[in-house]
Structures are given as structure tokens and as C-alpha cells.
Protein backbone atom coordinates (compact mmCIF):
# COMPACT_ATOMS: atom_id res chain seq x y z
CA MET A 1 73.90 98.73 105.23
CA SER A 2 76.09 95.83 106.70
CA GLY A 3 78.43 94.57 104.15
CA PRO A 4 82.32 94.65 104.13
CA LEU A 5 83.59 98.10 102.57
CA LEU A 6 86.44 98.37 99.99
CA ALA A 7 88.31 101.72 99.44
CA ILE A 8 90.22 102.37 96.80
CA SER A 9 92.73 105.05 96.17
CA ARG A 10 92.25 106.81 92.69
CA THR A 11 95.69 108.11 92.58
CA GLU A 12 95.53 110.58 89.45
CA ILE A 13 92.63 112.44 90.26
CA ASN A 14 92.73 112.77 94.12
CA GLN A 15 89.87 110.82 95.02
CA ILE A 16 88.75 107.70 97.57
CA THR A 17 86.36 105.51 96.23
CA ILE A 18 84.53 103.05 98.77
CA LEU A 19 82.45 100.02 97.26
CA GLU A 20 79.93 97.90 99.77
CA LEU A 21 81.02 94.14 99.04
CA GLY A 22 77.58 92.34 98.97
CA GLU A 23 76.68 89.54 96.54
CA MET A 24 77.69 91.94 93.77
CA GLU A 25 80.25 95.21 94.60
CA ARG A 26 78.52 98.43 94.08
CA GLU A 27 79.77 102.06 95.11
CA PHE A 28 78.85 103.43 98.63
CA THR A 29 80.67 106.94 98.13
CA THR A 30 83.44 108.67 96.48
CA ILE A 31 85.19 111.25 98.56
CA ARG A 32 87.41 113.91 97.38
CA VAL A 33 90.69 114.76 99.18
CA LYS A 34 92.39 117.88 99.39
CA GLY A 35 96.13 116.22 99.49
CA LYS A 36 97.38 115.12 96.28
CA GLN A 37 98.09 111.41 94.85
CA PRO A 38 96.75 109.58 97.75
CA PHE A 39 98.22 106.39 97.98
CA GLY A 40 97.92 103.65 100.86
CA LEU A 41 94.96 103.67 102.87
CA ALA A 42 93.78 102.34 106.28
CA PHE A 43 90.35 101.92 108.06
CA ASP A 44 90.25 102.33 111.81
CA LYS A 45 89.13 99.32 113.67
CA MET A 46 85.51 100.41 113.72
CA GLY A 47 85.49 100.89 110.04
CA ARG A 48 83.85 104.43 110.77
CA SER A 49 86.98 106.22 109.28
CA LEU A 50 89.39 105.97 106.68
CA TYR A 51 92.66 107.18 106.47
CA ALA A 52 94.67 108.13 103.43
CA ALA A 53 98.20 108.73 102.93
CA CYS A 54 98.59 111.61 100.17
CA TRP A 55 102.14 110.85 98.74
CA THR A 56 102.74 114.43 96.93
CA SER A 57 101.21 116.57 99.49
CA ALA A 58 103.04 114.77 102.93
CA ARG A 59 99.56 114.53 104.72
CA ILE A 60 97.77 112.01 106.04
CA ALA A 61 93.72 112.85 105.38
CA ALA A 62 90.74 111.46 107.69
CA LEU A 63 87.49 110.84 105.80
CA ASN A 64 84.32 110.44 107.94
CA LEU A 65 82.33 107.68 106.66
CA LEU A 66 79.21 109.03 108.26
CA SER A 67 79.51 112.44 106.75
CA CYS A 68 81.35 111.14 103.47
CA LYS A 69 83.74 113.88 103.88
CA GLU A 70 87.49 114.62 104.35
CA GLU A 71 87.14 115.38 108.15
CA LYS A 72 90.69 116.65 108.73
CA SER A 73 94.43 116.33 107.57
CA LEU A 74 97.71 116.10 108.94
CA SER A 75 101.14 117.00 108.13
CA VAL A 76 103.84 113.76 108.12
CA ALA A 77 107.21 113.34 106.62
CA ARG A 78 107.92 113.18 103.12
CA LEU A 79 106.47 110.80 100.88
CA PRO A 80 104.08 109.06 102.81
CA ALA A 81 103.22 105.97 101.02
CA TRP A 82 101.72 102.54 102.43
CA ALA A 83 99.51 102.59 105.64
CA THR A 84 98.46 99.83 107.95
CA PRO A 85 96.30 99.58 111.19
CA ARG A 86 98.28 98.07 114.01
CA PRO A 87 95.68 95.31 115.64
CA GLY A 88 93.88 95.91 118.67
CA THR A 89 95.08 99.65 119.11
CA SER A 90 94.08 103.17 117.73
CA GLU A 91 97.20 103.46 115.64
CA ILE A 92 98.16 103.70 111.77
CA TRP A 93 101.52 103.01 110.90
CA ILE A 94 102.51 104.90 107.58
CA SER A 95 105.68 104.49 105.61
CA ASN A 96 107.63 107.76 104.97
CA GLU A 97 109.54 106.39 101.56
CA GLY A 98 111.29 110.24 101.07
CA ALA A 99 112.21 110.25 104.92
CA GLY A 100 113.14 106.47 105.98
CA VAL A 101 110.87 106.63 108.85
CA VAL A 102 107.50 105.10 109.75
CA THR A 103 105.44 107.71 111.28
CA ILE A 104 102.76 106.34 114.04
CA LEU A 105 99.46 108.20 113.93
CA ASP A 106 97.10 107.89 116.92
CA THR A 107 94.01 108.26 115.63
CA HIS A 108 92.23 108.83 118.98
CA THR A 109 94.16 111.75 119.67
CA TRP A 110 94.73 112.95 116.12
CA SER A 111 98.67 113.01 116.48
CA VAL A 112 101.68 111.54 115.66
CA SER A 113 102.97 109.57 118.55
CA CYS A 114 106.28 108.62 117.08
CA GLU A 115 108.44 108.24 114.21
CA ILE A 116 110.78 105.29 113.91
CA ALA A 117 113.76 105.05 111.56
CA THR A 118 113.83 101.96 109.20
CA GLY A 119 116.12 102.07 106.44
CA GLY A 120 116.02 103.62 102.58
CA GLY A 121 112.51 103.75 101.14
CA PRO A 122 110.32 102.15 103.74
CA SER A 123 107.16 101.01 102.11
CA ASP A 124 104.64 98.23 102.98
CA ILE A 125 104.16 97.22 106.82
CA ALA A 126 102.92 93.96 108.28
CA PHE A 127 102.09 92.94 112.08
CA THR A 128 102.55 89.72 113.77
CA ASN A 129 102.06 88.82 117.66
CA ARG A 130 98.75 90.59 118.39
CA GLY A 131 100.09 93.84 116.86
CA HIS A 132 103.67 93.51 119.15
CA TYR A 133 105.99 93.17 116.39
CA ALA A 134 105.83 95.43 112.78
CA TRP A 135 107.66 94.10 109.70
CA VAL A 136 108.61 96.74 107.23
CA THR A 137 110.04 96.37 103.48
CA ASN A 138 112.82 98.98 102.64
CA GLU A 139 113.28 99.33 98.85
CA LYS A 140 116.30 101.08 98.81
CA ASP A 141 118.39 98.90 101.25
CA GLU A 142 117.01 95.16 100.19
CA ASN A 143 116.16 94.16 103.63
CA ILE A 144 113.16 94.19 106.06
CA SER A 145 113.13 95.75 109.42
CA LEU A 146 111.73 94.05 112.47
CA ILE A 147 110.10 96.82 114.68
CA ASP A 148 109.19 96.18 117.99
CA ALA A 149 105.92 98.27 118.29
CA ASP A 150 105.68 98.24 122.05
CA ARG A 151 109.11 99.76 123.06
CA ARG A 152 108.85 101.51 119.04
CA CYS A 153 112.50 100.87 118.31
CA LYS A 154 114.07 98.62 115.40
CA VAL A 155 115.41 95.11 116.25
CA GLN A 156 116.72 94.38 113.32
CA ASP A 157 117.29 94.11 109.34
CA ILE A 158 116.70 91.19 107.46
CA ARG A 159 118.36 90.70 104.11
CA VAL A 160 115.71 90.01 101.15
CA GLY A 161 115.88 90.56 97.23
CA LYS A 162 116.03 93.46 94.99
CA VAL A 163 113.69 96.55 95.91
CA PRO A 164 111.04 94.59 98.34
CA GLN A 165 107.64 96.48 98.24
CA GLY A 166 104.73 94.03 99.45
CA ILE A 167 104.50 91.90 102.58
CA ALA A 168 102.27 89.08 103.73
CA VAL A 169 101.88 86.90 106.61
CA ALA A 170 101.27 83.32 106.35
CA GLN A 171 98.04 82.35 108.08
CA ASP A 172 99.92 80.78 111.25
CA GLU A 173 102.27 83.74 111.28
CA SER A 174 105.17 81.36 110.88
CA GLN A 175 106.44 83.12 107.55
CA LEU A 176 106.59 86.25 105.61
CA LEU A 177 106.08 86.53 101.83
CA VAL A 178 107.95 89.76 100.29
CA ALA A 179 107.60 90.84 96.93
CA ASN A 180 111.22 91.71 95.79
CA PHE A 181 110.14 93.84 92.68
CA GLY A 182 113.79 94.00 91.41
CA SER A 183 114.46 90.40 91.92
CA ASN A 184 111.38 88.67 89.99
CA SER A 185 110.84 86.88 93.17
CA ILE A 186 109.21 86.29 96.45
CA SER A 187 111.44 85.93 99.84
CA VAL A 188 110.15 83.45 102.24
CA VAL A 189 111.19 85.01 105.93
CA ASP A 190 111.17 82.91 108.85
CA THR A 191 109.34 84.95 111.66
CA ALA A 192 111.14 82.65 114.52
CA THR A 193 114.67 82.45 113.32
CA LYS A 194 114.25 86.10 111.35
CA LYS A 195 116.09 84.83 108.12
CA GLU A 196 115.28 84.15 104.56
CA LEU A 197 114.67 80.64 103.74
CA ALA A 198 114.11 80.89 100.29
CA ARG A 199 112.98 82.74 96.95
CA VAL A 200 110.51 81.63 94.87
CA ALA A 201 110.40 82.72 91.25
CA VAL A 202 107.42 85.05 89.74
CA ASP A 203 106.73 87.21 86.93
CA LEU A 204 108.57 90.33 86.15
CA GLY A 205 108.04 93.34 88.88
CA PRO A 206 106.19 92.01 91.68
CA VAL A 207 104.75 94.71 93.84
CA ASP A 208 102.30 93.56 96.11
CA VAL A 209 101.65 89.89 97.79
CA VAL A 210 98.33 88.46 99.82
CA THR A 211 97.67 85.14 100.85
CA LEU A 212 94.66 83.19 101.66
CA GLY A 213 93.97 79.56 103.08
CA HIS A 214 95.23 77.23 105.91
CA GLU A 215 98.68 75.61 106.71
CA ASN A 216 98.45 72.90 104.28
CA LEU A 217 96.54 74.70 101.14
CA GLU A 218 97.82 78.38 101.35
CA ARG A 219 98.08 80.17 98.53
CA ALA A 220 99.53 83.58 97.73
CA TRP A 221 98.32 86.05 94.92
CA VAL A 222 101.11 88.59 93.48
CA THR A 223 100.65 91.52 91.23
CA CYS A 224 103.72 91.43 88.64
CA PHE A 225 103.61 95.05 87.22
CA ARG A 226 106.18 94.97 84.44
CA GLU A 227 104.76 91.48 83.24
CA GLY A 228 100.98 92.60 83.57
CA VAL A 229 100.14 89.50 85.56
CA VAL A 230 99.01 88.04 88.78
CA SER A 231 101.19 85.31 90.11
CA VAL A 232 99.82 82.37 92.13
CA VAL A 233 101.95 80.67 94.41
CA ASP A 234 101.56 77.63 96.59
CA VAL A 235 103.13 78.90 99.85
CA LYS A 236 103.73 75.11 101.16
CA ARG A 237 105.59 73.91 97.85
CA ARG A 238 107.06 77.61 97.39
CA LYS A 239 106.23 77.28 93.64
CA GLU A 240 104.55 79.52 91.15
CA THR A 241 101.45 77.41 90.24
CA GLN A 242 99.31 79.97 87.84
CA ARG A 243 99.80 83.40 86.03
CA ILE A 244 96.71 85.61 85.34
CA ALA A 245 97.03 88.08 82.55
CA THR A 246 95.19 91.23 83.57
CA GLY A 247 95.33 93.56 80.65
CA GLY A 248 97.11 96.05 82.24
CA LYS A 249 99.71 96.90 84.89
CA PRO A 250 98.60 95.30 88.19
CA GLN A 251 99.59 97.08 91.43
CA GLY A 252 97.36 96.74 94.91
CA LEU A 253 95.77 93.72 96.13
CA GLU A 254 93.05 93.23 98.25
CA THR A 255 91.37 89.96 99.82
CA HIS A 256 87.21 89.57 100.45
CA PRO A 257 87.06 88.99 104.29
CA ASN A 258 85.09 85.49 103.17
CA GLY A 259 88.14 84.43 101.49
CA GLN A 260 86.33 83.72 98.08
CA TYR A 261 87.61 86.94 96.29
CA VAL A 262 90.96 88.70 95.51
CA TYR A 263 90.79 92.33 94.17
CA VAL A 264 93.44 93.72 92.18
CA ALA A 265 93.90 97.21 91.00
CA ILE A 266 95.21 97.78 87.54
CA ARG A 267 96.33 101.36 87.54
CA ASP A 268 97.08 102.12 83.82
CA ILE A 269 93.60 100.58 82.34
CA ASN A 270 91.74 101.95 85.24
CA GLU A 271 89.88 98.91 86.48
CA ILE A 272 89.56 96.76 89.30
CA VAL A 273 89.89 93.14 88.43
CA VAL A 274 88.02 90.63 90.59
CA LEU A 275 89.50 87.25 90.70
CA SER A 276 88.14 84.15 92.24
CA THR A 277 90.31 82.05 94.78
CA VAL A 278 88.81 78.31 93.47
CA ALA A 279 91.58 76.94 92.08
CA PRO A 280 92.31 77.54 88.90
CA SER A 281 91.73 81.14 89.86
CA ASN A 282 90.23 83.39 87.24
CA ILE A 283 88.28 86.87 86.51
CA LEU A 284 85.12 86.88 87.33
CA ARG A 285 84.77 90.38 86.27
CA ARG A 286 85.94 94.04 85.90
CA ILE A 287 85.15 97.16 87.61
CA LYS A 288 85.56 100.54 85.97
CA MET A 289 87.59 102.87 88.13
CA PRO A 290 88.91 106.16 86.18
CA GLY A 291 91.96 108.00 87.83
CA GLY A 292 94.45 105.46 88.33
CA PRO A 293 93.43 103.03 90.88
CA ALA A 294 96.61 101.75 93.03
CA ARG A 295 96.22 100.77 96.66
CA MET A 296 93.12 99.44 98.58
CA ALA A 297 92.09 98.63 102.20
CA VAL A 298 88.99 96.48 103.52
CA ALA A 299 87.06 97.03 106.59
CA SER A 300 84.95 93.43 107.34
CA GLU A 301 83.22 94.77 110.87
CA CYS A 302 79.86 94.56 109.21
CA ASP A 303 77.99 96.41 112.23
CA ALA A 304 80.19 99.24 112.12
CA HIS A 305 78.29 100.33 108.77
CA ARG A 306 74.56 99.80 109.66
CA ASN A 307 73.94 103.46 110.27
CA ILE A 308 76.11 105.03 107.19
CA PRO A 309 73.38 106.13 104.68
CA PHE A 310 74.29 105.55 100.97
CA ARG A 311 75.40 108.55 98.97
């Protein structure tokens, strides 16, 4: 097996399904986790293990992709939510919404190396400068925190819209895009000046955001949960250019490593929707995914999967 992998948290039934992304998606395996309500997911840098933040039970589960089983778990702070690997390291950063901290999990030693206070209700995490800086959205404080990942300390907070959740980094790392669930907008933040430059109006209840393209033709896809659509935004023009009705309440987003597809988790109707990235973006197919699919993660390192058998 050599294709990229897409992991999906099936939050209502405590399972993780992993798809291989070939010409068409096919199920690689489904793994039951012992923790309750798995949400945020992150592959390690080799793509041999998957880590799941289990919201209700306040644990991080490590799933071994060779045995297709949960290998171990570790207690963390209250309500672990989103999970992001730090580039070039063995670290997984987990936002603990109920504790106001980010937990840093060292997967090499299988231990919590640090906890960093952010703000109220930390959610999504993104990295810039090859992992030297982390940016964390704080739902309750209407801001994002800039963290020096090397020094393990918060540098400053930057005001954005109401209830910021998902965050994405522009391809040249000059800007951040923040989904403001309570303001129905996307905040554009300059990573050099550390200031909000603009807010782009989108549909109701934006939750997550991803970007694809290059500087002159970069677009963002935004899940608008309350409206039931995915908004497409022209990043350079800072304008919503398309709305795609999903038939349900879209939540998590991921992109194919080749840039040709965007995957959308539609939690209330138990589907993964596959979108094309060629303008205008459209729905190519739907994948049934019972159990409340919520968050996703992609492993793009093809060589890491060649010795993993299908189950």
C-alpha cells in the first residue's frame, strides 16, 4: 500500500476510520478507541501512528497502524479537542478547551513535556516558520495566541472575531485565516505585523478552514455549520466567490496531498463529501460514514505505508 491516508473521527461511536486515497477512496481500517468522543486527530511524522484526542474522557489515544489497534493512552487536561503535529519534531500539540491550555505530547517518550496557558477555550492550532511559532484560536476570548514553540511561552494575543475556531496558514505564510463562528466571517491576520488586516463575510457559523493554491490564485474552503454550506473564498481578493450546499451541517475539513480534492465531514447526516478544487468547486461523491464524523487528518508520506496490510 502506498497511497496517502485520511483518518476520520467518528465521534458518536468512539471509532476512527482510515481511508486510503487512491484514484478512489477505500477503507483501510476502522479502529475502536477506549476513550469517549474522539475528536482531533494527528498522524506522526512517519505516518505509522495516529493520535486521537478523546474529548469526554480527557485522554489521548495512540493507534498503531501496523496492528490496527489502540496501543496506549495518556491522561491530559479537561476537554482535549484539536490536535496538530509540530513540523520537524515528535510533538503533537493538543488544545484543551476545558482547561485553557495547550498540551504538548512527546510521542517519542510518550509523555506530556509541557502545558502552555493560552486563553479561554483554545481550539485549532497552526504552525509557521518550520514549527518555531504556533498560533492557537481561543473561542471564549475572541483572539488567537501566538506561542514561541521553542521557548514554550505565549508571546501575545491578537484580537479577531467572535468564537474563533479553525485556523489555516496561507501558502506563503504571510497570512492566517481564522474562522469566526460567532461573527460569520474569516479574519485575515498578518503574521509579520501580528495584526488583523480584514474580515471576509461568509455564511453562518464558520467552523473550519483550509487553503490551496499559490499566492496569485489561492482559495480557502470554509465549513459553515449553521448554514449547511461550504464557502469558497478568494484569498487575494478577500471575497467569498462560491457557496456549496452540503445537505447537512459541515464540520471538519482536509485536503488531498495532491491538491485536487477537499474532504468535508458532515456530522449530522453521517457523510464525507468529496469536493473538486477546480473552479467552480463541486461535489464529486459522498462517502457514508455512520457515527458522527467530525474531524480528519491526512498522512501524505506514501513510503511509510507500504508494509501495512489492509484489514
